[in-house]
Amino acid sequence: MSTLLNAETHGTPLIVLHFNNFKPWLAEQDRHVQNWIKQTNFEGKGLSLIPNTQGELEQAVFVSKNPEHYFACGDLIKQLPVGQYLLQTEAQYQDSVCFSWLVGSYQFKRYITDKVSTKSTNNKTLPTLAVGNQALVTKATKYAEATALTRDLVNTPAVDMMPQHLGETAVRMAEIYGAEVKQIIGDDLLSQNYPTIHAVGRASVHEPRLIDLTWGNKKDPKVTLVGKGVCFDSGGLDLKPAAGMRNMKKDMGGSAHVLGLAQLIMAHDLPVNLRILIPAVENAVSSNALRPGDVITTRKGITVEIDNTDAEGRLVLCDALAEAENDNPELLIDFATLTGAMRVALGTELPGFFSTSDAVAAGITLAGSKINDPVWRMPIYTAYRDMLHSQIADMTNCATTPFGGAITAALYLQEFVNENTDWVHFDVMAFNVRPLPGRPLGGEAFGIRAVFDYLQTRYSNQ
């Protein structure tokens, strides 16, 4: 990906224009350009390839009503002929064009062989873009690579993305950025008091684990990220139907998001004391699987009655959140593919989040709005806490009603977060269900750029 964008100063001109500026631009062009635009019926929308008088490509022009959108140019890299292009656009569009150029190059080709008819399409050599500005190249590359990491992790089938594979990913990142990784695996989770992580993952042949990555100066502000790592979710004994299980490889999307966000933080050397906690399990079915009606004592000591084994994400998260609070972080953020209720409320492309801090929530929302990584704050409506009442334990793991499901899930998690902690809980889809410019079908990063830009603004100025 890094080879597709460079700081050189030569190439076929690629002009990116706002729609309102197309006609003034055209009026300044040579007659043969004006004639070409007219004869090809190009009306100032999308891409036009303009030849010179010898029929060779002279320039390309891309016109958009919103070129500052960070995905507006997401299809360009796959539409242009192979070659090097030199970006010519207004300064305020440069960041968005560079980012969308790179994320538009994304393809998940791990399992594509030379034996399929799509070989030529999937192995097409891509054009490169020169921008003459190394800072732009570096910034866009870091953001695009973090997005690609998140997508790759989500797109990888469960056969190759089980708890041990997530652990290997964390170890590789640690080696690159000078971090440390500890892993608590299998029955050691019981001896070290992570009972809910163990209970959810014990039925799988892939041992459950808690992945714990630390990085940064311990004197810097403590920021802890927790990511749901359910590598495949069958639903447990409350088995999902086939349609609901089909894409459950993406149920570790929360862990993919915190790893992508961690990469952004470490690549930018942000002055924070970073900790990543990933409870990684497979929610499988076996003779020792967690049962509806069982009661578990969590790491925090709260007893939980299992109403439904398919509400397992909050179970693995609650032990990790309780552990996170041992360090008294200044900011605690978790990501999870937690509820279908959030998808009903906001759809698949707008991630909802809950926060105990108005200032943090406003900061993340503002950051996302500036870079087309939208997020939407949801209410922590405490009156719904009664829906988690149990007759025989401190609480149940889910409400018996489907109404307000994203809120009740957040309320469950909040029980494991200290009252004075600035806490943010993201409930994300982690998956594109329709192709959009720069956003193919499959795994997707939602909100990590918004959160990183907020963190960068908050901590780089200290």
Protein backbone atom coordinates (compact mmCIF):
# COMPACT_ATOMS: atom_id res chain seq x y z
CA MET A 1 0.00 0.00 0.00
CA SER A 2 2.83 2.41 0.85
CA THR A 3 4.19 2.19 -2.70
CA LEU A 4 0.97 3.52 -4.22
CA LEU A 5 1.44 7.06 -2.88
CA ASN A 6 4.71 8.99 -3.04
CA ALA A 7 6.20 12.45 -2.63
CA GLU A 8 7.52 12.73 -6.19
CA THR A 9 6.71 15.66 -8.47
CA HIS A 10 6.11 14.04 -11.84
CA GLY A 11 3.30 12.13 -13.49
CA THR A 12 0.24 12.53 -15.65
CA PRO A 13 -1.80 15.36 -14.15
CA LEU A 14 -4.77 14.20 -12.06
CA ILE A 15 -7.00 17.20 -11.47
CA VAL A 16 -9.54 16.85 -8.65
CA LEU A 17 -12.20 19.57 -8.74
CA HIS A 18 -15.30 20.61 -6.89
CA PHE A 19 -18.33 20.55 -9.18
CA ASN A 20 -18.71 24.32 -8.87
CA ASN A 21 -15.21 24.82 -10.23
CA PHE A 22 -15.53 22.55 -13.25
CA LYS A 23 -16.86 25.09 -15.74
CA PRO A 24 -14.30 27.79 -14.80
CA TRP A 25 -11.56 25.17 -15.15
CA LEU A 26 -12.87 24.04 -18.52
CA ALA A 27 -13.01 27.58 -19.83
CA GLU A 28 -9.25 27.88 -19.29
CA GLN A 29 -8.38 24.69 -21.17
CA ASP A 30 -7.07 24.34 -24.73
CA ARG A 31 -9.63 23.90 -27.47
CA HIS A 32 -8.87 20.21 -27.96
CA VAL A 33 -9.63 19.57 -24.27
CA GLN A 34 -12.88 21.49 -24.51
CA ASN A 35 -13.83 19.59 -27.65
CA TRP A 36 -13.05 16.24 -25.98
CA ILE A 37 -15.18 17.08 -22.97
CA LYS A 38 -18.02 18.11 -25.26
CA GLN A 39 -17.80 15.12 -27.61
CA THR A 40 -17.70 12.64 -24.73
CA ASN A 41 -20.73 14.27 -23.09
CA PHE A 42 -18.83 14.72 -19.85
CA GLU A 43 -20.96 16.97 -17.66
CA GLY A 44 -18.66 17.41 -14.69
CA LYS A 45 -19.43 14.31 -12.68
CA GLY A 46 -16.90 11.57 -12.06
CA LEU A 47 -13.80 10.79 -14.09
CA SER A 48 -12.75 11.88 -17.57
CA LEU A 49 -9.58 10.66 -19.29
CA ILE A 50 -8.36 13.32 -21.70
CA PRO A 51 -5.93 12.42 -24.53
CA ASN A 52 -3.54 14.73 -26.32
CA THR A 53 -3.63 15.25 -30.08
CA GLN A 54 -1.65 12.02 -30.57
CA GLY A 55 -4.20 9.99 -28.63
CA GLU A 56 -1.98 9.54 -25.55
CA LEU A 57 -3.33 10.21 -22.08
CA GLU A 58 -2.61 13.86 -21.33
CA GLN A 59 -4.52 14.36 -18.09
CA ALA A 60 -7.30 12.97 -15.98
CA VAL A 61 -9.95 15.08 -14.32
CA PHE A 62 -12.18 13.94 -11.48
CA VAL A 63 -15.13 16.10 -10.49
CA SER A 64 -17.12 15.68 -7.28
CA LYS A 65 -19.74 17.65 -5.42
CA ASN A 66 -17.87 16.78 -2.23
CA PRO A 67 -14.13 16.28 -2.92
CA GLU A 68 -13.29 16.96 0.71
CA HIS A 69 -15.10 13.74 1.68
CA TYR A 70 -12.56 11.17 2.79
CA PHE A 71 -13.99 8.50 0.49
CA ALA A 72 -14.94 10.69 -2.49
CA CYS A 73 -11.98 9.46 -4.54
CA GLY A 74 -12.17 5.91 -3.24
CA ASP A 75 -12.72 4.32 -6.65
CA LEU A 76 -10.14 6.36 -8.57
CA ILE A 77 -7.20 4.04 -8.09
CA LYS A 78 -9.14 1.19 -9.71
CA GLN A 79 -10.57 3.32 -12.50
CA LEU A 80 -7.39 4.90 -13.83
CA PRO A 81 -5.01 3.20 -16.28
CA VAL A 82 -1.74 1.99 -14.81
CA GLY A 83 0.88 4.73 -14.56
CA GLN A 84 1.94 7.52 -12.24
CA TYR A 85 -0.30 10.52 -11.70
CA LEU A 86 0.54 13.89 -10.22
CA LEU A 87 -2.18 15.30 -7.97
CA GLN A 88 -3.40 18.79 -8.75
CA THR A 89 -6.12 20.00 -6.40
CA GLU A 90 -6.88 22.64 -3.81
CA ALA A 91 -5.05 22.38 -0.51
CA GLN A 92 -8.17 21.59 1.50
CA TYR A 93 -8.80 18.44 -0.58
CA GLN A 94 -5.33 16.94 -0.40
CA ASP A 95 -5.73 14.93 2.82
CA SER A 96 -9.00 13.38 1.70
CA VAL A 97 -7.75 12.54 -1.81
CA CYS A 98 -4.59 10.86 -0.51
CA PHE A 99 -6.46 8.81 2.09
CA SER A 100 -9.21 7.71 -0.28
CA TRP A 101 -6.64 6.86 -2.96
CA LEU A 102 -4.97 4.40 -0.60
CA VAL A 103 -8.04 2.85 1.03
CA GLY A 104 -9.50 2.46 -2.46
CA SER A 105 -6.62 0.12 -3.28
CA TYR A 106 -7.68 -2.34 -0.60
CA GLN A 107 -8.33 -5.91 -1.66
CA PHE A 108 -8.51 -9.00 0.52
CA LYS A 109 -6.74 -11.54 -1.69
CA ARG A 110 -5.36 -14.03 0.82
CA TYR A 111 -7.40 -16.92 -0.54
CA ILE A 112 -7.44 -15.98 -4.23
CA THR A 113 -5.50 -18.51 -6.32
CA ASP A 114 -4.26 -18.44 -9.91
CA LYS A 115 -6.87 -21.04 -10.78
CA VAL A 116 -9.87 -18.74 -10.84
CA SER A 117 -11.24 -16.70 -13.71
CA THR A 118 -10.92 -13.45 -11.73
CA LYS A 119 -7.15 -13.67 -11.73
CA SER A 120 -6.60 -10.71 -14.01
CA THR A 121 -8.99 -8.52 -12.01
CA ASN A 122 -7.62 -9.38 -8.60
CA ASN A 123 -3.99 -9.15 -9.60
CA LYS A 124 -4.25 -5.95 -11.63
CA THR A 125 -1.29 -3.64 -11.20
CA LEU A 126 -2.49 -0.40 -9.69
CA PRO A 127 -1.47 3.15 -10.61
CA THR A 128 0.54 5.36 -8.28
CA LEU A 129 -0.10 8.92 -7.15
CA ALA A 130 2.54 11.60 -6.59
CA VAL A 131 1.72 14.50 -4.29
CA GLY A 132 5.10 16.21 -3.78
CA ASN A 133 4.60 16.35 -0.02
CA GLN A 134 6.15 13.71 2.24
CA ALA A 135 4.09 14.73 5.27
CA LEU A 136 0.88 14.08 3.33
CA VAL A 137 2.18 10.71 2.18
CA THR A 138 3.16 9.65 5.69
CA LYS A 139 -0.11 10.74 7.24
CA ALA A 140 -2.34 9.09 4.64
CA THR A 141 -0.30 5.89 4.71
CA LYS A 142 -0.58 5.51 8.49
CA TYR A 143 -4.35 6.01 8.43
CA ALA A 144 -4.86 3.69 5.46
CA GLU A 145 -2.65 0.94 6.89
CA ALA A 146 -4.56 0.99 10.19
CA THR A 147 -7.82 0.73 8.24
CA ALA A 148 -6.42 -2.15 6.18
CA LEU A 149 -5.26 -3.99 9.31
CA THR A 150 -8.74 -3.77 10.81
CA ARG A 151 -10.32 -4.94 7.56
CA ASP A 152 -7.88 -7.83 7.15
CA LEU A 153 -8.49 -9.13 10.66
CA VAL A 154 -12.27 -9.04 10.23
CA ASN A 155 -12.16 -10.54 6.73
CA THR A 156 -9.99 -13.49 7.73
CA PRO A 157 -12.13 -16.62 8.19
CA ALA A 158 -12.34 -18.06 11.67
CA VAL A 159 -10.27 -21.08 10.62
CA ASP A 160 -7.29 -18.71 10.49
CA MET A 161 -8.43 -16.13 13.06
CA MET A 162 -8.91 -17.88 16.37
CA PRO A 163 -7.71 -16.62 19.80
CA GLN A 164 -4.17 -17.81 19.18
CA HIS A 165 -4.06 -15.93 15.87
CA LEU A 166 -5.19 -12.70 17.54
CA GLY A 167 -2.43 -13.27 20.04
CA GLU A 168 0.10 -13.67 17.23
CA THR A 169 -1.11 -10.41 15.68
CA ALA A 170 -0.56 -8.57 18.95
CA VAL A 171 2.92 -10.06 19.29
CA ARG A 172 3.87 -8.94 15.77
CA MET A 173 2.66 -5.42 16.51
CA ALA A 174 4.62 -5.39 19.75
CA GLU A 175 7.80 -6.35 17.90
CA ILE A 176 7.32 -3.53 15.40
CA TYR A 177 6.53 -0.77 17.89
CA GLY A 178 8.47 -1.85 20.96
CA ALA A 179 5.47 -2.87 23.04
CA GLU A 180 5.08 -5.75 25.50
CA VAL A 181 2.50 -8.54 25.33
CA LYS A 182 1.32 -10.93 28.00
CA GLN A 183 -1.27 -13.65 27.44
CA ILE A 184 -3.28 -15.60 30.01
CA ILE A 185 -4.43 -18.81 28.33
CA GLY A 186 -6.86 -21.65 29.06
CA ASP A 187 -7.31 -22.74 32.67
CA ASP A 188 -4.87 -20.06 33.80
CA LEU A 189 -7.80 -17.70 33.31
CA LEU A 190 -9.48 -19.44 36.25
CA SER A 191 -6.44 -19.41 38.51
CA GLN A 192 -5.93 -15.70 37.75
CA ASN A 193 -9.62 -14.86 38.19
CA TYR A 194 -11.03 -14.26 34.72
CA PRO A 195 -14.00 -16.63 35.06
CA THR A 196 -16.37 -15.20 32.46
CA ILE A 197 -13.76 -15.21 29.70
CA HIS A 198 -13.04 -18.85 30.51
CA ALA A 199 -16.72 -19.79 30.75
CA VAL A 200 -17.54 -18.45 27.29
CA GLY A 201 -14.49 -19.96 25.61
CA ARG A 202 -14.05 -23.28 27.39
CA ALA A 203 -16.17 -25.32 24.94
CA SER A 204 -13.81 -24.63 22.04
CA VAL A 205 -10.69 -26.60 21.13
CA HIS A 206 -9.12 -23.16 20.68
CA GLU A 207 -8.24 -22.13 24.21
CA PRO A 208 -9.62 -18.80 25.40
CA ARG A 209 -7.14 -16.14 26.39
CA LEU A 210 -6.70 -12.58 27.58
CA ILE A 211 -4.26 -10.65 25.42
CA ASP A 212 -2.61 -7.75 27.27
CA LEU A 213 -0.45 -5.32 25.26
CA THR A 214 1.27 -2.32 26.88
CA TRP A 215 3.21 0.50 25.23
CA GLY A 216 4.50 3.95 26.00
CA ASN A 217 5.93 5.93 28.86
CA LYS A 218 4.35 4.95 32.17
CA LYS A 219 4.49 8.61 33.22
CA ASP A 220 2.15 9.61 30.38
CA PRO A 221 -1.66 9.63 30.71
CA LYS A 222 -3.12 6.14 30.91
CA VAL A 223 -5.38 5.22 27.98
CA THR A 224 -6.81 1.70 27.92
CA LEU A 225 -8.58 0.08 24.97
CA VAL A 226 -10.65 -3.08 25.33
CA GLY A 227 -11.77 -5.08 22.29
CA LYS A 228 -14.26 -7.91 22.07
CA GLY A 229 -12.43 -10.88 20.53
CA VAL A 230 -15.13 -13.48 19.91
CA CYS A 231 -13.45 -15.13 16.95
CA PHE A 232 -16.54 -17.06 15.98
CA ASP A 233 -19.96 -16.92 17.57
CA SER A 234 -22.20 -19.93 17.10
CA GLY A 235 -24.49 -18.53 19.78
CA GLY A 236 -23.47 -21.33 22.12
CA LEU A 237 -26.27 -23.60 23.30
CA ASP A 238 -28.70 -20.83 22.32
CA LEU A 239 -27.61 -21.61 18.78
CA LYS A 240 -27.93 -18.99 16.08
CA PRO A 241 -29.86 -19.82 12.89
CA ALA A 242 -27.78 -20.35 9.76
CA ALA A 243 -28.34 -16.83 8.42
CA GLY A 244 -27.33 -15.27 11.71
CA MET A 245 -24.20 -17.40 11.96
CA ARG A 246 -22.94 -16.93 8.40
CA ASN A 247 -20.77 -13.87 9.01
CA MET A 248 -19.88 -14.48 12.63
CA LYS A 249 -16.20 -14.47 11.75
CA LYS A 250 -16.65 -10.72 12.20
CA ASP A 251 -17.61 -11.05 15.87
CA MET A 252 -13.99 -10.30 16.78
CA GLY A 253 -14.39 -6.94 15.08
CA GLY A 254 -13.98 -5.09 18.36
CA SER A 255 -10.51 -6.54 18.81
CA ALA A 256 -9.68 -5.65 15.20
CA HIS A 257 -10.73 -2.07 15.89
CA VAL A 258 -8.60 -1.63 19.00
CA LEU A 259 -5.59 -3.16 17.23
CA GLY A 260 -6.07 -0.78 14.29
CA LEU A 261 -6.44 2.14 16.70
CA ALA A 262 -3.40 0.99 18.67
CA GLN A 263 -1.38 0.92 15.47
CA LEU A 264 -2.35 4.53 14.78
CA ILE A 265 -1.38 5.56 18.31
CA MET A 266 1.98 3.79 18.23
CA ALA A 267 2.84 4.79 14.66
CA HIS A 268 2.31 8.43 15.60
CA ASP A 269 4.21 7.99 18.88
CA LEU A 270 1.35 9.61 20.78
CA PRO A 271 2.42 10.55 24.32
CA VAL A 272 0.12 8.13 26.19
CA ASN A 273 0.62 5.10 28.37
CA LEU A 274 -1.34 2.65 26.24
CA ARG A 275 -2.85 -0.65 27.31
CA ILE A 276 -4.80 -3.02 25.06
CA LEU A 277 -6.94 -5.78 26.57
CA ILE A 278 -8.51 -8.37 24.25
CA PRO A 279 -10.55 -11.22 25.70
CA ALA A 280 -10.29 -13.73 22.84
CA VAL A 281 -12.59 -16.76 22.67
CA GLU A 282 -14.66 -18.94 20.38
CA ASN A 283 -18.26 -19.32 21.51
CA ALA A 284 -18.65 -22.97 20.59
CA VAL A 285 -20.93 -25.87 21.49
CA SER A 286 -19.65 -28.88 23.41
CA SER A 287 -20.47 -30.97 26.47
CA ASN A 288 -18.91 -28.35 28.73
CA ALA A 289 -20.49 -25.32 27.09
CA LEU A 290 -21.96 -22.52 29.15
CA ARG A 291 -25.69 -23.17 29.76
CA PRO A 292 -28.72 -20.88 29.98
CA GLY A 293 -29.55 -20.55 33.66
CA ASP A 294 -25.97 -20.95 34.87
CA VAL A 295 -24.66 -18.38 37.34
CA ILE A 296 -21.10 -17.08 37.05
CA THR A 297 -19.15 -15.02 39.53
CA THR A 298 -17.26 -12.42 37.50
CA ARG A 299 -13.80 -11.02 38.15
CA LYS A 300 -15.37 -8.06 39.94
CA GLY A 301 -17.33 -10.38 42.19
CA ILE A 302 -20.72 -9.60 40.64
CA THR A 303 -22.79 -12.73 40.06
CA VAL A 304 -24.45 -13.03 36.66
CA GLU A 305 -27.27 -15.35 35.66
CA ILE A 306 -27.00 -16.47 32.04
CA ASP A 307 -30.29 -15.71 30.33
CA ASN A 308 -28.92 -16.34 26.84
CA THR A 309 -25.57 -17.82 25.81
CA ASP A 310 -25.64 -15.72 22.63
CA ALA A 311 -25.13 -12.60 24.77
CA GLU A 312 -21.54 -13.70 25.30
CA GLY A 313 -19.66 -10.60 24.17
CA ARG A 314 -20.56 -8.62 27.25
CA LEU A 315 -19.46 -11.56 29.40
CA VAL A 316 -15.92 -11.60 28.06
CA LEU A 317 -15.77 -7.81 28.07
CA CYS A 318 -16.84 -7.46 31.71
CA ASP A 319 -13.78 -9.29 33.07
CA ALA A 320 -11.49 -7.24 30.80
CA LEU A 321 -13.12 -3.98 31.88
CA ALA A 322 -12.76 -4.95 35.53
CA GLU A 323 -9.06 -5.64 34.93
CA ALA A 324 -8.66 -2.35 33.09
CA GLU A 325 -9.92 -0.47 36.13
CA ASN A 326 -7.06 -1.86 38.23
CA ASP A 327 -4.85 0.77 36.59
CA ASN A 328 -7.30 3.67 37.05
CA PRO A 329 -7.00 4.78 33.40
CA GLU A 330 -7.63 8.40 32.53
CA LEU A 331 -9.70 7.17 29.58
CA LEU A 332 -11.22 3.73 29.00
CA ILE A 333 -12.62 2.87 25.56
CA ASP A 334 -14.05 -0.42 24.38
CA PHE A 335 -15.11 -1.57 20.92
CA ALA A 336 -17.46 -4.48 20.29
CA THR A 337 -19.76 -5.97 17.69
CA LEU A 338 -22.25 -6.27 20.49
CA THR A 339 -25.92 -5.93 19.51
CA GLY A 340 -28.21 -6.23 16.55
CA ALA A 341 -30.31 -3.59 18.30
CA MET A 342 -27.73 -0.95 17.47
CA ARG A 343 -27.88 -1.91 13.79
CA VAL A 344 -31.67 -1.56 13.92
CA ALA A 345 -31.34 1.85 15.53
CA LEU A 346 -28.59 3.34 13.35
CA GLY A 347 -28.09 0.96 10.43
CA THR A 348 -24.86 -0.78 9.56
CA GLU A 349 -22.73 2.24 8.57
CA LEU A 350 -23.16 4.56 11.56
CA PRO A 351 -21.53 3.26 14.74
CA GLY A 352 -23.25 4.12 17.99
CA PHE A 353 -21.38 4.79 21.19
CA PHE A 354 -22.13 5.46 24.84
CA SER A 355 -20.07 7.65 27.13
CA THR A 356 -20.00 8.71 30.75
CA SER A 357 -18.28 11.97 29.75
CA ASP A 358 -20.04 14.69 27.80
CA ALA A 359 -16.72 16.32 26.93
CA VAL A 360 -15.18 13.13 25.56
CA ALA A 361 -18.32 12.28 23.61
CA ALA A 362 -18.45 15.73 22.05
CA GLY A 363 -14.75 15.61 21.20
CA ILE A 364 -14.97 12.26 19.44
CA THR A 365 -18.10 13.26 17.55
CA LEU A 366 -16.51 16.51 16.37
CA ALA A 367 -13.32 14.74 15.32
CA GLY A 368 -15.26 12.20 13.29
CA SER A 369 -17.36 14.84 11.56
CA LYS A 370 -14.21 16.53 10.24
CA ILE A 371 -12.82 13.41 8.56
CA ASN A 372 -15.99 11.58 7.47
CA ASP A 373 -15.73 8.96 10.19
CA PRO A 374 -19.16 9.61 11.70
CA VAL A 375 -20.22 8.32 15.11
CA TRP A 376 -23.43 8.82 17.05
CA ARG A 377 -23.82 9.10 20.80
CA MET A 378 -26.54 6.96 22.39
CA PRO A 379 -28.09 7.48 25.84
CA ILE A 380 -27.12 5.55 28.94
CA TYR A 381 -30.72 5.42 30.12
CA THR A 382 -30.39 4.09 33.64
CA ALA A 383 -34.10 3.40 34.07
CA TYR A 384 -33.58 0.33 31.86
CA ARG A 385 -31.16 -1.15 34.42
CA ASP A 386 -34.13 -2.97 35.99
CA MET A 387 -34.39 -5.07 32.84
CA LEU A 388 -31.23 -6.87 33.95
CA HIS A 389 -32.78 -7.98 37.24
CA SER A 390 -32.29 -11.59 38.30
CA GLN A 391 -34.21 -13.52 40.94
CA ILE A 392 -31.20 -15.61 41.94
CA ALA A 393 -28.10 -13.50 41.11
CA ASP A 394 -26.96 -9.90 41.14
CA MET A 395 -28.01 -9.46 37.50
CA THR A 396 -28.65 -11.28 34.24
CA ASN A 397 -26.46 -11.02 31.17
CA CYS A 398 -29.28 -9.68 29.00
CA ALA A 399 -32.82 -8.42 29.20
CA THR A 400 -35.76 -10.64 28.37
CA THR A 401 -37.18 -7.98 26.03
CA PRO A 402 -35.54 -7.04 22.72
CA PHE A 403 -36.41 -3.39 23.16
CA GLY A 404 -33.53 -1.08 23.93
CA GLY A 405 -31.05 -3.91 23.53
CA ALA A 406 -28.02 -1.73 22.81
CA ILE A 407 -28.76 0.36 25.90
CA THR A 408 -29.22 -2.60 28.23
CA ALA A 409 -25.97 -4.10 26.92
CA ALA A 410 -24.18 -0.84 27.72
CA LEU A 411 -25.78 -0.77 31.16
CA TYR A 412 -24.51 -4.29 31.80
CA LEU A 413 -20.96 -3.23 30.91
CA GLN A 414 -21.20 -0.07 32.99
CA GLU A 415 -21.57 -2.22 36.12
CA PHE A 416 -17.90 -3.16 35.68
CA VAL A 417 -16.63 0.41 35.19
CA ASN A 418 -15.85 2.71 38.11
CA GLU A 419 -18.16 5.68 38.58
CA ASN A 420 -15.40 8.27 38.16
CA THR A 421 -13.94 6.74 34.98
CA ASP A 422 -14.32 8.50 31.63
CA TRP A 423 -15.62 5.51 29.68
CA VAL A 424 -16.63 5.13 26.03
CA HIS A 425 -18.35 2.03 24.66
CA PHE A 426 -18.59 1.55 20.89
CA ASP A 427 -21.12 -0.89 19.42
CA VAL A 428 -20.05 -1.33 15.79
CA MET A 429 -20.99 -3.44 12.77
CA ALA A 430 -17.37 -3.92 11.60
CA PHE A 431 -18.67 -5.01 8.20
CA ASN A 432 -19.77 -3.32 4.97
CA VAL A 433 -22.94 -4.91 3.63
CA ARG A 434 -22.86 -2.86 0.42
CA PRO A 435 -19.95 -1.58 -1.68
CA LEU A 436 -19.26 2.15 -1.57
CA PRO A 437 -16.32 4.18 -2.94
CA GLY A 438 -13.24 3.08 -1.02
CA ARG A 439 -15.30 0.69 1.08
CA PRO A 440 -15.68 -2.79 -0.41
CA LEU A 441 -17.95 -5.50 0.91
CA GLY A 442 -16.57 -7.08 4.06
CA GLY A 443 -14.61 -5.96 7.09
CA GLU A 444 -14.53 -2.26 7.89
CA ALA A 445 -13.07 0.11 10.48
CA PHE A 446 -15.70 2.35 12.05
CA GLY A 447 -14.75 5.16 14.41
CA ILE A 448 -11.04 4.46 14.87
CA ARG A 449 -9.96 7.54 12.89
CA ALA A 450 -12.42 9.66 14.87
CA VAL A 451 -11.12 8.35 18.19
CA PHE A 452 -7.49 8.71 17.16
CA ASP A 453 -7.92 12.30 15.99
CA TYR A 454 -9.63 13.08 19.30
CA LEU A 455 -6.77 11.46 21.23
CA GLN A 456 -4.19 13.27 19.12
CA THR A 457 -5.86 16.63 19.79
CA ARG A 458 -6.21 15.88 23.49
CA TYR A 459 -2.75 14.52 24.21
CA SER A 460 -0.41 16.04 21.64
CA ASN A 461 -1.11 19.48 23.10
CA GLN A 462 -0.25 18.55 26.68
